[in-house]
Amino acid sequence: MSRAEILEQWREHLTTGRRRSPHTVRAYLATAARWLEQTGAESWPEVARLVASDVRNQLAARRADGIGNVSAARELSALKGFLAFARERAGDTAAAPLRLRGPRIKKGLPRPVTPDDAANLADEVKAAAAEDWIGARDRAVLLLMYGAGLRIAEALSLTAGDLPLGETLTVTGKGNKQRVVPILPIVRAAVADYAARCPWPLARQAPLFRGARGGPLGQGMVQKAMARARFALGLPVTATPHALRHSFATHLLGAGADLRSLQELLGHASLGSTQIYTKVDAATLLDTYRAAHPRER
């Protein structure tokens, strides 16, 4: 078996088996390629025999290249996953998992946008698009993230078979886990407007959101449209597509939503991931206080 075949099987596992995002697949493939190059392994049994010291050597080499804590943690996660998959392919499932801890990562608070800014961003991407159907498409994607809390990959994974959208939508998120999210009338209308304008045939199993040439819409195109819109509106660089999902969560929490319900809507595996929004809401309240209180002016 060649290294190319190993990497292709790893790619297929990440893409189809684990439903990882394209960005994660690229990063994990690069990590596996570096490990195969460093260790000289050319078969799944050879990869499966690798031990913790091999992982430490790989991480040390990457540290020497200047990567930070976030990248080092992702590298370790990729190596653990690759080794576990290799053991599965080699039939060595009884081996104990690696007991290596990654570097501590200080989590920064998400930066939500205001409801008005979210609406203005959606309207701006529509107005600035080169074609009407592309503008309707970009507006629909952004409203799915802000109005329903979808990740960008989740929005772009929708198929034409999901049409017409009803009051709720079943979404497949990370780890192939499904959840049901409510769809607001404004979001349903935006998606229906795009579908009516789209010049490409929308077969049931085909991607709902299409690129200019008819292929699946990539995340990069949405990010570029958002970047142009935030520049036109004078918003900070933190106003990214993912910030719309943060805003969805923050605004719901501020309106009285409980953490458990918010966890379900966001598709978080643990409540700890959702609790960060309590800090975000407190930070937003503090900013509002400072802006409004006469002693703070």
C-alpha atoms as a PDB file:
ATOM      1  CA  MET A   1       0.000   0.000   0.000  1.00  0.00           C
ATOM      2  CA  SER A   2       1.324   3.431  -0.898  1.00  0.00           C
ATOM      3  CA  ARG A   3       1.240   6.515   1.300  1.00  0.00           C
ATOM      4  CA  ALA A   4      -1.116   8.098  -1.211  1.00  0.00           C
ATOM      5  CA  GLU A   5      -3.588   5.250  -0.646  1.00  0.00           C
ATOM      6  CA  ILE A   6      -3.306   5.653   3.124  1.00  0.00           C
ATOM      7  CA  LEU A   7      -4.009   9.365   2.855  1.00  0.00           C
ATOM      8  CA  GLU A   8      -6.939   8.791   0.498  1.00  0.00           C
ATOM      9  CA  GLN A   9      -8.551   6.340   2.929  1.00  0.00           C
ATOM     10  CA  TRP A  10      -7.970   8.810   5.768  1.00  0.00           C
ATOM     11  CA  ARG A  11      -9.531  11.594   3.688  1.00  0.00           C
ATOM     12  CA  GLU A  12     -12.560   9.435   2.885  1.00  0.00           C
ATOM     13  CA  HIS A  13     -12.987   8.570   6.575  1.00  0.00           C
ATOM     14  CA  LEU A  14     -12.856  12.228   7.605  1.00  0.00           C
ATOM     15  CA  THR A  15     -15.153  13.407   4.837  1.00  0.00           C
ATOM     16  CA  THR A  16     -17.777  10.666   4.747  1.00  0.00           C
ATOM     17  CA  GLY A  17     -17.413   8.823   8.030  1.00  0.00           C
ATOM     18  CA  ARG A  18     -16.869  11.806  10.335  1.00  0.00           C
ATOM     19  CA  ARG A  19     -18.377  14.572   8.175  1.00  0.00           C
ATOM     20  CA  ARG A  20     -15.524  16.934   8.978  1.00  0.00           C
ATOM     21  CA  SER A  21     -15.430  20.382   7.395  1.00  0.00           C
ATOM     22  CA  PRO A  22     -13.220  20.889   4.305  1.00  0.00           C
ATOM     23  CA  HIS A  23     -10.876  23.048   6.391  1.00  0.00           C
ATOM     24  CA  THR A  24     -10.460  20.321   9.022  1.00  0.00           C
ATOM     25  CA  VAL A  25      -9.954  17.643   6.361  1.00  0.00           C
ATOM     26  CA  ARG A  26      -7.142  19.652   4.750  1.00  0.00           C
ATOM     27  CA  ALA A  27      -5.434  20.231   8.104  1.00  0.00           C
ATOM     28  CA  TYR A  28      -5.738  16.598   9.242  1.00  0.00           C
ATOM     29  CA  LEU A  29      -4.483  15.305   5.893  1.00  0.00           C
ATOM     30  CA  ALA A  30      -1.435  17.592   6.101  1.00  0.00           C
ATOM     31  CA  THR A  31      -0.698  16.316   9.619  1.00  0.00           C
ATOM     32  CA  ALA A  32      -0.955  12.689   8.503  1.00  0.00           C
ATOM     33  CA  ALA A  33       1.282  13.332   5.491  1.00  0.00           C
ATOM     34  CA  ARG A  34       3.951  14.888   7.706  1.00  0.00           C
ATOM     35  CA  TRP A  35       3.775  11.951  10.113  1.00  0.00           C
ATOM     36  CA  LEU A  36       4.111   9.391   7.339  1.00  0.00           C
ATOM     37  CA  GLU A  37       7.105  11.292   5.969  1.00  0.00           C
ATOM     38  CA  GLN A  38       8.776  11.527   9.381  1.00  0.00           C
ATOM     39  CA  THR A  39       8.205   7.915  10.457  1.00  0.00           C
ATOM     40  CA  GLY A  40       8.534   6.215   7.076  1.00  0.00           C
ATOM     41  CA  ALA A  41       5.369   4.163   7.674  1.00  0.00           C
ATOM     42  CA  GLU A  42       3.870   2.748   4.460  1.00  0.00           C
ATOM     43  CA  SER A  43       1.010   0.544   5.672  1.00  0.00           C
ATOM     44  CA  TRP A  44      -1.762   0.674   8.252  1.00  0.00           C
ATOM     45  CA  PRO A  45      -0.059  -1.913  10.513  1.00  0.00           C
ATOM     46  CA  GLU A  46       3.113   0.191  10.490  1.00  0.00           C
ATOM     47  CA  VAL A  47       1.152   3.314  11.412  1.00  0.00           C
ATOM     48  CA  ALA A  48      -0.713   1.386  14.121  1.00  0.00           C
ATOM     49  CA  ARG A  49       2.588   0.394  15.773  1.00  0.00           C
ATOM     50  CA  LEU A  50       3.612   3.995  16.331  1.00  0.00           C
ATOM     51  CA  VAL A  51       3.777   5.096  19.958  1.00  0.00           C
ATOM     52  CA  ALA A  52       3.573   8.223  22.105  1.00  0.00           C
ATOM     53  CA  SER A  53       7.227   9.096  21.544  1.00  0.00           C
ATOM     54  CA  ASP A  54       6.612   9.301  17.793  1.00  0.00           C
ATOM     55  CA  VAL A  55       3.786  11.754  18.434  1.00  0.00           C
ATOM     56  CA  ARG A  56       5.991  13.815  20.750  1.00  0.00           C
ATOM     57  CA  ASN A  57       8.698  13.979  18.079  1.00  0.00           C
ATOM     58  CA  GLN A  58       6.163  15.166  15.522  1.00  0.00           C
ATOM     59  CA  LEU A  59       4.854  17.852  17.862  1.00  0.00           C
ATOM     60  CA  ALA A  60       8.372  18.948  18.783  1.00  0.00           C
ATOM     61  CA  ALA A  61       9.226  19.343  15.104  1.00  0.00           C
ATOM     62  CA  ARG A  62       6.097  21.416  14.535  1.00  0.00           C
ATOM     63  CA  ARG A  63       6.873  23.550  17.569  1.00  0.00           C
ATOM     64  CA  ALA A  64      10.290  24.189  16.065  1.00  0.00           C
ATOM     65  CA  ASP A  65       8.484  25.434  12.971  1.00  0.00           C
ATOM     66  CA  GLY A  66       6.887  28.089  15.159  1.00  0.00           C
ATOM     67  CA  ILE A  67       3.288  26.894  15.535  1.00  0.00           C
ATOM     68  CA  GLY A  68       1.297  28.168  18.511  1.00  0.00           C
ATOM     69  CA  ASN A  69      -0.850  26.423  21.112  1.00  0.00           C
ATOM     70  CA  VAL A  70      -4.003  26.297  18.991  1.00  0.00           C
ATOM     71  CA  SER A  71      -2.203  24.682  16.054  1.00  0.00           C
ATOM     72  CA  ALA A  72      -0.324  22.297  18.349  1.00  0.00           C
ATOM     73  CA  ALA A  73      -3.597  21.182  19.954  1.00  0.00           C
ATOM     74  CA  ARG A  74      -5.133  20.572  16.541  1.00  0.00           C
ATOM     75  CA  GLU A  75      -2.017  18.663  15.457  1.00  0.00           C
ATOM     76  CA  LEU A  76      -2.286  16.401  18.489  1.00  0.00           C
ATOM     77  CA  SER A  77      -5.998  15.820  17.875  1.00  0.00           C
ATOM     78  CA  ALA A  78      -5.280  14.906  14.255  1.00  0.00           C
ATOM     79  CA  LEU A  79      -2.495  12.496  15.240  1.00  0.00           C
ATOM     80  CA  LYS A  80      -4.666  10.755  17.842  1.00  0.00           C
ATOM     81  CA  GLY A  81      -7.466  10.364  15.318  1.00  0.00           C
ATOM     82  CA  PHE A  82      -5.102   9.098  12.630  1.00  0.00           C
ATOM     83  CA  LEU A  83      -3.552   6.529  14.973  1.00  0.00           C
ATOM     84  CA  ALA A  84      -6.974   5.338  16.158  1.00  0.00           C
ATOM     85  CA  PHE A  85      -8.116   4.924  12.550  1.00  0.00           C
ATOM     86  CA  ALA A  86      -4.891   3.071  11.679  1.00  0.00           C
ATOM     87  CA  ARG A  87      -5.429   0.623  14.527  1.00  0.00           C
ATOM     88  CA  GLU A  88      -8.982   0.047  13.357  1.00  0.00           C
ATOM     89  CA  ARG A  89      -7.796  -0.626   9.804  1.00  0.00           C
ATOM     90  CA  ALA A  90      -5.057  -2.933  11.060  1.00  0.00           C
ATOM     91  CA  GLY A  91      -7.442  -4.836  13.342  1.00  0.00           C
ATOM     92  CA  ASP A  92      -5.580  -3.719  16.466  1.00  0.00           C
ATOM     93  CA  THR A  93      -8.508  -2.278  18.408  1.00  0.00           C
ATOM     94  CA  ALA A  94      -7.363  -3.579  21.800  1.00  0.00           C
ATOM     95  CA  ALA A  95      -4.430  -1.157  22.076  1.00  0.00           C
ATOM     96  CA  ALA A  96      -4.800   1.576  24.689  1.00  0.00           C
ATOM     97  CA  PRO A  97      -5.390   5.095  23.335  1.00  0.00           C
ATOM     98  CA  LEU A  98      -2.631   7.675  23.577  1.00  0.00           C
ATOM     99  CA  ARG A  99      -2.492   9.449  26.934  1.00  0.00           C
ATOM    100  CA  LEU A 100      -1.049  12.754  25.789  1.00  0.00           C
ATOM    101  CA  ARG A 101      -2.393  16.122  26.862  1.00  0.00           C
ATOM    102  CA  GLY A 102      -2.376  19.092  24.560  1.00  0.00           C
ATOM    103  CA  PRO A 103      -1.381  22.643  25.472  1.00  0.00           C
ATOM    104  CA  ARG A 104      -3.841  24.805  27.331  1.00  0.00           C
ATOM    105  CA  ILE A 105      -5.750  27.191  25.115  1.00  0.00           C
ATOM    106  CA  LYS A 106      -7.256  30.356  26.478  1.00  0.00           C
ATOM    107  CA  LYS A 107     -10.681  30.682  24.928  1.00  0.00           C
ATOM    108  CA  GLY A 108     -11.615  34.186  23.890  1.00  0.00           C
ATOM    109  CA  LEU A 109     -15.186  35.357  24.023  1.00  0.00           C
ATOM    110  CA  PRO A 110     -17.122  35.294  20.760  1.00  0.00           C
ATOM    111  CA  ARG A 111     -17.832  38.744  19.328  1.00  0.00           C
ATOM    112  CA  PRO A 112     -21.519  38.943  18.409  1.00  0.00           C
ATOM    113  CA  VAL A 113     -22.964  41.579  16.112  1.00  0.00           C
ATOM    114  CA  THR A 114     -26.100  43.537  16.960  1.00  0.00           C
ATOM    115  CA  PRO A 115     -29.481  42.508  15.507  1.00  0.00           C
ATOM    116  CA  ASP A 116     -29.436  45.609  13.294  1.00  0.00           C
ATOM    117  CA  ASP A 117     -25.934  44.831  12.051  1.00  0.00           C
ATOM    118  CA  ALA A 118     -26.948  41.232  11.283  1.00  0.00           C
ATOM    119  CA  ALA A 119     -29.892  42.456   9.217  1.00  0.00           C
ATOM    120  CA  ASN A 120     -27.760  45.093   7.498  1.00  0.00           C
ATOM    121  CA  LEU A 121     -25.085  42.522   6.618  1.00  0.00           C
ATOM    122  CA  ALA A 122     -27.679  40.235   5.034  1.00  0.00           C
ATOM    123  CA  ASP A 123     -29.124  43.128   3.039  1.00  0.00           C
ATOM    124  CA  GLU A 124     -25.686  44.401   1.998  1.00  0.00           C
ATOM    125  CA  VAL A 125     -24.504  41.066   0.566  1.00  0.00           C
ATOM    126  CA  LYS A 126     -27.683  40.940  -1.486  1.00  0.00           C
ATOM    127  CA  ALA A 127     -27.307  44.497  -2.784  1.00  0.00           C
ATOM    128  CA  ALA A 128     -23.600  44.159  -3.586  1.00  0.00           C
ATOM    129  CA  ALA A 129     -23.762  40.871  -5.514  1.00  0.00           C
ATOM    130  CA  ALA A 130     -22.974  40.795  -9.221  1.00  0.00           C
ATOM    131  CA  GLU A 131     -26.233  38.964 -10.007  1.00  0.00           C
ATOM    132  CA  ASP A 132     -29.642  39.028  -8.334  1.00  0.00           C
ATOM    133  CA  TRP A 133     -29.718  35.275  -7.703  1.00  0.00           C
ATOM    134  CA  ILE A 134     -26.261  35.345  -6.101  1.00  0.00           C
ATOM    135  CA  GLY A 135     -27.355  38.172  -3.825  1.00  0.00           C
ATOM    136  CA  ALA A 136     -30.460  36.226  -2.831  1.00  0.00           C
ATOM    137  CA  ARG A 137     -28.282  33.165  -2.200  1.00  0.00           C
ATOM    138  CA  ASP A 138     -25.803  34.964   0.054  1.00  0.00           C
ATOM    139  CA  ARG A 139     -28.586  36.656   2.003  1.00  0.00           C
ATOM    140  CA  ALA A 140     -30.311  33.302   2.564  1.00  0.00           C
ATOM    141  CA  VAL A 141     -27.096  31.692   3.856  1.00  0.00           C
ATOM    142  CA  LEU A 142     -26.404  34.519   6.305  1.00  0.00           C
ATOM    143  CA  LEU A 143     -29.977  34.490   7.594  1.00  0.00           C
ATOM    144  CA  LEU A 144     -29.774  30.733   8.193  1.00  0.00           C
ATOM    145  CA  MET A 145     -26.744  31.333  10.417  1.00  0.00           C
ATOM    146  CA  TYR A 146     -28.213  34.276  12.305  1.00  0.00           C
ATOM    147  CA  GLY A 147     -31.866  33.230  12.299  1.00  0.00           C
ATOM    148  CA  ALA A 148     -31.383  29.508  12.998  1.00  0.00           C
ATOM    149  CA  GLY A 149     -27.892  29.336  14.528  1.00  0.00           C
ATOM    150  CA  LEU A 150     -26.473  27.076  11.810  1.00  0.00           C
ATOM    151  CA  ARG A 151     -22.765  26.647  11.289  1.00  0.00           C
ATOM    152  CA  ILE A 152     -21.673  27.707   7.820  1.00  0.00           C
ATOM    153  CA  ALA A 153     -20.919  24.075   6.892  1.00  0.00           C
ATOM    154  CA  GLU A 154     -24.388  23.052   8.058  1.00  0.00           C
ATOM    155  CA  ALA A 155     -26.071  25.704   5.945  1.00  0.00           C
ATOM    156  CA  LEU A 156     -24.070  24.711   2.870  1.00  0.00           C
ATOM    157  CA  SER A 157     -24.790  21.009   3.412  1.00  0.00           C
ATOM    158  CA  LEU A 158     -28.527  21.509   2.854  1.00  0.00           C
ATOM    159  CA  THR A 159     -29.943  19.899  -0.267  1.00  0.00           C
ATOM    160  CA  ALA A 160     -32.835  20.844  -2.500  1.00  0.00           C
ATOM    161  CA  GLY A 161     -34.690  17.987  -0.844  1.00  0.00           C
ATOM    162  CA  ASP A 162     -35.012  20.205   2.238  1.00  0.00           C
ATOM    163  CA  LEU A 163     -37.296  22.522   0.249  1.00  0.00           C
ATOM    164  CA  PRO A 164     -39.705  24.000   0.954  1.00  0.00           C
ATOM    165  CA  LEU A 165     -38.546  24.883   4.445  1.00  0.00           C
ATOM    166  CA  GLY A 166     -41.174  24.473   7.118  1.00  0.00           C
ATOM    167  CA  GLU A 167     -41.351  25.831  10.645  1.00  0.00           C
ATOM    168  CA  THR A 168     -38.546  23.491  11.694  1.00  0.00           C
ATOM    169  CA  LEU A 169     -35.533  21.949   9.978  1.00  0.00           C
ATOM    170  CA  THR A 170     -33.558  18.820  10.853  1.00  0.00           C
ATOM    171  CA  VAL A 171     -29.849  19.642  10.675  1.00  0.00           C
ATOM    172  CA  THR A 172     -26.936  17.201  10.698  1.00  0.00           C
ATOM    173  CA  GLY A 173     -24.066  18.763  12.626  1.00  0.00           C
ATOM    174  CA  LYS A 174     -20.708  17.731  14.027  1.00  0.00           C
ATOM    175  CA  GLY A 175     -20.243  14.060  14.762  1.00  0.00           C
ATOM    176  CA  ASN A 176     -23.151  13.265  12.434  1.00  0.00           C
ATOM    177  CA  LYS A 177     -25.553  14.318  15.208  1.00  0.00           C
ATOM    178  CA  GLN A 178     -28.961  15.604  14.207  1.00  0.00           C
ATOM    179  CA  ARG A 179     -30.974  18.358  15.829  1.00  0.00           C
ATOM    180  CA  VAL A 180     -34.181  20.209  15.043  1.00  0.00           C
ATOM    181  CA  VAL A 181     -34.067  24.002  14.746  1.00  0.00           C
ATOM    182  CA  PRO A 182     -36.956  26.439  14.275  1.00  0.00           C
ATOM    183  CA  ILE A 183     -37.014  28.417  11.023  1.00  0.00           C
ATOM    184  CA  LEU A 184     -38.361  31.964  11.190  1.00  0.00           C
ATOM    185  CA  PRO A 185     -40.673  33.249   8.432  1.00  0.00           C
ATOM    186  CA  ILE A 186     -38.017  35.735   7.253  1.00  0.00           C
ATOM    187  CA  VAL A 187     -35.519  32.879   6.837  1.00  0.00           C
ATOM    188  CA  ARG A 188     -38.031  30.689   4.992  1.00  0.00           C
ATOM    189  CA  ALA A 189     -38.860  33.587   2.684  1.00  0.00           C
ATOM    190  CA  ALA A 190     -35.178  34.298   1.966  1.00  0.00           C
ATOM    191  CA  VAL A 191     -34.455  30.660   1.080  1.00  0.00           C
ATOM    192  CA  ALA A 192     -37.576  30.438  -1.089  1.00  0.00           C
ATOM    193  CA  ASP A 193     -36.589  33.661  -2.880  1.00  0.00           C
ATOM    194  CA  TYR A 194     -33.159  32.238  -3.646  1.00  0.00           C
ATOM    195  CA  ALA A 195     -34.582  28.897  -4.844  1.00  0.00           C
ATOM    196  CA  ALA A 196     -36.950  30.709  -7.198  1.00  0.00           C
ATOM    197  CA  ARG A 197     -34.101  32.769  -8.679  1.00  0.00           C
ATOM    198  CA  CYS A 198     -31.418  30.057  -8.871  1.00  0.00           C
ATOM    199  CA  PRO A 199     -30.632  29.375 -12.554  1.00  0.00           C
ATOM    200  CA  TRP A 200     -29.448  25.817 -11.872  1.00  0.00           C
ATOM    201  CA  PRO A 201     -31.788  22.818 -11.629  1.00  0.00           C
ATOM    202  CA  LEU A 202     -32.331  21.901  -7.981  1.00  0.00           C
ATOM    203  CA  ALA A 203     -32.571  18.107  -7.938  1.00  0.00           C
ATOM    204  CA  ARG A 204     -33.554  16.708  -4.547  1.00  0.00           C
ATOM    205  CA  GLN A 205     -30.160  15.203  -3.718  1.00  0.00           C
ATOM    206  CA  ALA A 206     -28.179  18.136  -5.146  1.00  0.00           C
ATOM    207  CA  PRO A 207     -26.705  20.913  -2.970  1.00  0.00           C
ATOM    208  CA  LEU A 208     -29.215  23.670  -2.342  1.00  0.00           C
ATOM    209  CA  PHE A 209     -26.685  26.494  -2.494  1.00  0.00           C
ATOM    210  CA  ARG A 210     -24.759  26.715  -5.755  1.00  0.00           C
ATOM    211  CA  GLY A 211     -21.680  28.562  -6.912  1.00  0.00           C
ATOM    212  CA  ALA A 212     -21.663  30.829  -9.951  1.00  0.00           C
ATOM    213  CA  ARG A 213     -20.883  27.859 -12.235  1.00  0.00           C
ATOM    214  CA  GLY A 214     -23.434  25.526 -10.709  1.00  0.00           C
ATOM    215  CA  GLY A 215     -21.197  23.537  -8.369  1.00  0.00           C
ATOM    216  CA  PRO A 216     -21.606  23.394  -4.589  1.00  0.00           C
ATOM    217  CA  LEU A 217     -21.131  26.780  -2.938  1.00  0.00           C
ATOM    218  CA  GLY A 218     -17.860  26.924  -0.983  1.00  0.00           C
ATOM    219  CA  GLN A 219     -17.376  28.507   2.418  1.00  0.00           C
ATOM    220  CA  GLY A 220     -14.751  30.839   0.991  1.00  0.00           C
ATOM    221  CA  MET A 221     -17.283  32.583  -1.240  1.00  0.00           C
ATOM    222  CA  VAL A 222     -19.591  33.263   1.710  1.00  0.00           C
ATOM    223  CA  GLN A 223     -16.665  34.566   3.759  1.00  0.00           C
ATOM    224  CA  LYS A 224     -15.601  36.901   0.949  1.00  0.00           C
ATOM    225  CA  ALA A 225     -19.126  38.258   0.533  1.00  0.00           C
ATOM    226  CA  MET A 226     -19.319  38.845   4.297  1.00  0.00           C
ATOM    227  CA  ALA A 227     -15.916  40.581   4.301  1.00  0.00           C
ATOM    228  CA  ARG A 228     -17.021  42.982   1.563  1.00  0.00           C
ATOM    229  CA  ALA A 229     -20.264  43.691   3.394  1.00  0.00           C
ATOM    230  CA  ARG A 230     -18.639  44.404   6.753  1.00  0.00           C
ATOM    231  CA  PHE A 231     -16.133  46.720   5.054  1.00  0.00           C
ATOM    232  CA  ALA A 232     -18.971  48.616   3.362  1.00  0.00           C
ATOM    233  CA  LEU A 233     -20.812  48.929   6.678  1.00  0.00           C
ATOM    234  CA  GLY A 234     -17.708  49.850   8.681  1.00  0.00           C
ATOM    235  CA  LEU A 235     -17.921  46.801  10.954  1.00  0.00           C
ATOM    236  CA  PRO A 236     -14.871  45.180  12.629  1.00  0.00           C
ATOM    237  CA  VAL A 237     -13.047  42.142  11.261  1.00  0.00           C
ATOM    238  CA  THR A 238     -14.694  40.053  13.986  1.00  0.00           C
ATOM    239  CA  ALA A 239     -17.956  40.312  11.993  1.00  0.00           C
ATOM    240  CA  THR A 240     -17.445  36.946  10.298  1.00  0.00           C
ATOM    241  CA  PRO A 241     -20.045  34.412   9.162  1.00  0.00           C
ATOM    242  CA  HIS A 242     -19.494  32.414  12.354  1.00  0.00           C
ATOM    243  CA  ALA A 243     -20.137  35.585  14.390  1.00  0.00           C
ATOM    244  CA  LEU A 244     -23.730  35.390  13.168  1.00  0.00           C
ATOM    245  CA  ARG A 245     -24.127  32.037  14.945  1.00  0.00           C
ATOM    246  CA  HIS A 246     -22.594  33.582  18.076  1.00  0.00           C
ATOM    247  CA  SER A 247     -25.072  36.439  17.768  1.00  0.00           C
ATOM    248  CA  PHE A 248     -27.981  34.015  17.452  1.00  0.00           C
ATOM    249  CA  ALA A 249     -26.949  32.375  20.729  1.00  0.00           C
ATOM    250  CA  THR A 250     -26.166  35.596  22.583  1.00  0.00           C
ATOM    251  CA  HIS A 251     -29.402  37.313  21.632  1.00  0.00           C
ATOM    252  CA  LEU A 252     -31.502  34.271  22.551  1.00  0.00           C
ATOM    253  CA  LEU A 253     -29.796  34.053  25.936  1.00  0.00           C
ATOM    254  CA  GLY A 254     -30.352  37.759  26.501  1.00  0.00           C
ATOM    255  CA  ALA A 255     -34.038  37.283  25.708  1.00  0.00           C
ATOM    256  CA  GLY A 256     -34.380  34.646  28.425  1.00  0.00           C
ATOM    257  CA  ALA A 257     -33.552  31.312  26.747  1.00  0.00           C
ATOM    258  CA  ASP A 258     -32.213  28.681  29.163  1.00  0.00           C
ATOM    259  CA  LEU A 259     -28.832  27.060  28.616  1.00  0.00           C
ATOM    260  CA  ARG A 260     -30.172  23.539  28.019  1.00  0.00           C
ATOM    261  CA  SER A 261     -32.484  24.723  25.246  1.00  0.00           C
ATOM    262  CA  LEU A 262     -29.671  26.785  23.753  1.00  0.00           C
ATOM    263  CA  GLN A 263     -27.380  23.747  23.860  1.00  0.00           C
ATOM    264  CA  GLU A 264     -29.930  21.765  21.839  1.00  0.00           C
ATOM    265  CA  LEU A 265     -30.402  24.534  19.291  1.00  0.00           C
ATOM    266  CA  LEU A 266     -26.646  24.960  18.761  1.00  0.00           C
ATOM    267  CA  GLY A 267     -25.896  21.238  18.667  1.00  0.00           C
ATOM    268  CA  HIS A 268     -23.217  21.436  21.365  1.00  0.00           C
ATOM    269  CA  ALA A 269     -22.068  18.083  22.714  1.00  0.00           C
ATOM    270  CA  SER A 270     -21.520  19.509  26.205  1.00  0.00           C
ATOM    271  CA  LEU A 271     -23.172  22.240  28.219  1.00  0.00           C
ATOM    272  CA  GLY A 272     -19.741  23.718  28.881  1.00  0.00           C
ATOM    273  CA  SER A 273     -19.498  24.834  25.259  1.00  0.00           C
ATOM    274  CA  THR A 274     -22.792  26.690  25.635  1.00  0.00           C
ATOM    275  CA  GLN A 275     -21.954  28.328  28.972  1.00  0.00           C
ATOM    276  CA  ILE A 276     -19.478  30.658  27.300  1.00  0.00           C
ATOM    277  CA  TYR A 277     -22.477  32.662  26.091  1.00  0.00           C
ATOM    278  CA  THR A 278     -23.343  33.627  29.647  1.00  0.00           C
ATOM    279  CA  LYS A 279     -20.008  35.479  29.709  1.00  0.00           C
ATOM    280  CA  VAL A 280     -20.732  37.016  26.324  1.00  0.00           C
ATOM    281  CA  ASP A 281     -24.089  38.309  27.513  1.00  0.00           C
ATOM    282  CA  ALA A 282     -22.537  39.759  30.659  1.00  0.00           C
ATOM    283  CA  ALA A 283     -19.875  41.468  28.549  1.00  0.00           C
ATOM    284  CA  THR A 284     -22.559  42.921  26.282  1.00  0.00           C
ATOM    285  CA  LEU A 285     -24.481  44.263  29.278  1.00  0.00           C
ATOM    286  CA  LEU A 286     -21.299  45.869  30.611  1.00  0.00           C
ATOM    287  CA  ASP A 287     -20.599  47.552  27.271  1.00  0.00           C
ATOM    288  CA  THR A 288     -24.172  48.872  27.191  1.00  0.00           C
ATOM    289  CA  TYR A 289     -23.833  50.172  30.748  1.00  0.00           C
ATOM    290  CA  ARG A 290     -20.581  51.954  29.988  1.00  0.00           C
ATOM    291  CA  ALA A 291     -22.047  53.539  26.868  1.00  0.00           C
ATOM    292  CA  ALA A 292     -25.187  54.739  28.647  1.00  0.00           C
ATOM    293  CA  HIS A 293     -24.073  55.672  32.164  1.00  0.00           C
ATOM    294  CA  PRO A 294     -23.293  59.391  32.539  1.00  0.00           C
ATOM    295  CA  ARG A 295     -20.330  58.711  34.851  1.00  0.00           C
ATOM    296  CA  GLU A 296     -18.685  56.605  32.100  1.00  0.00           C
ATOM    297  CA  ARG A 297     -18.731  59.359  29.476  1.00  0.00           C
END
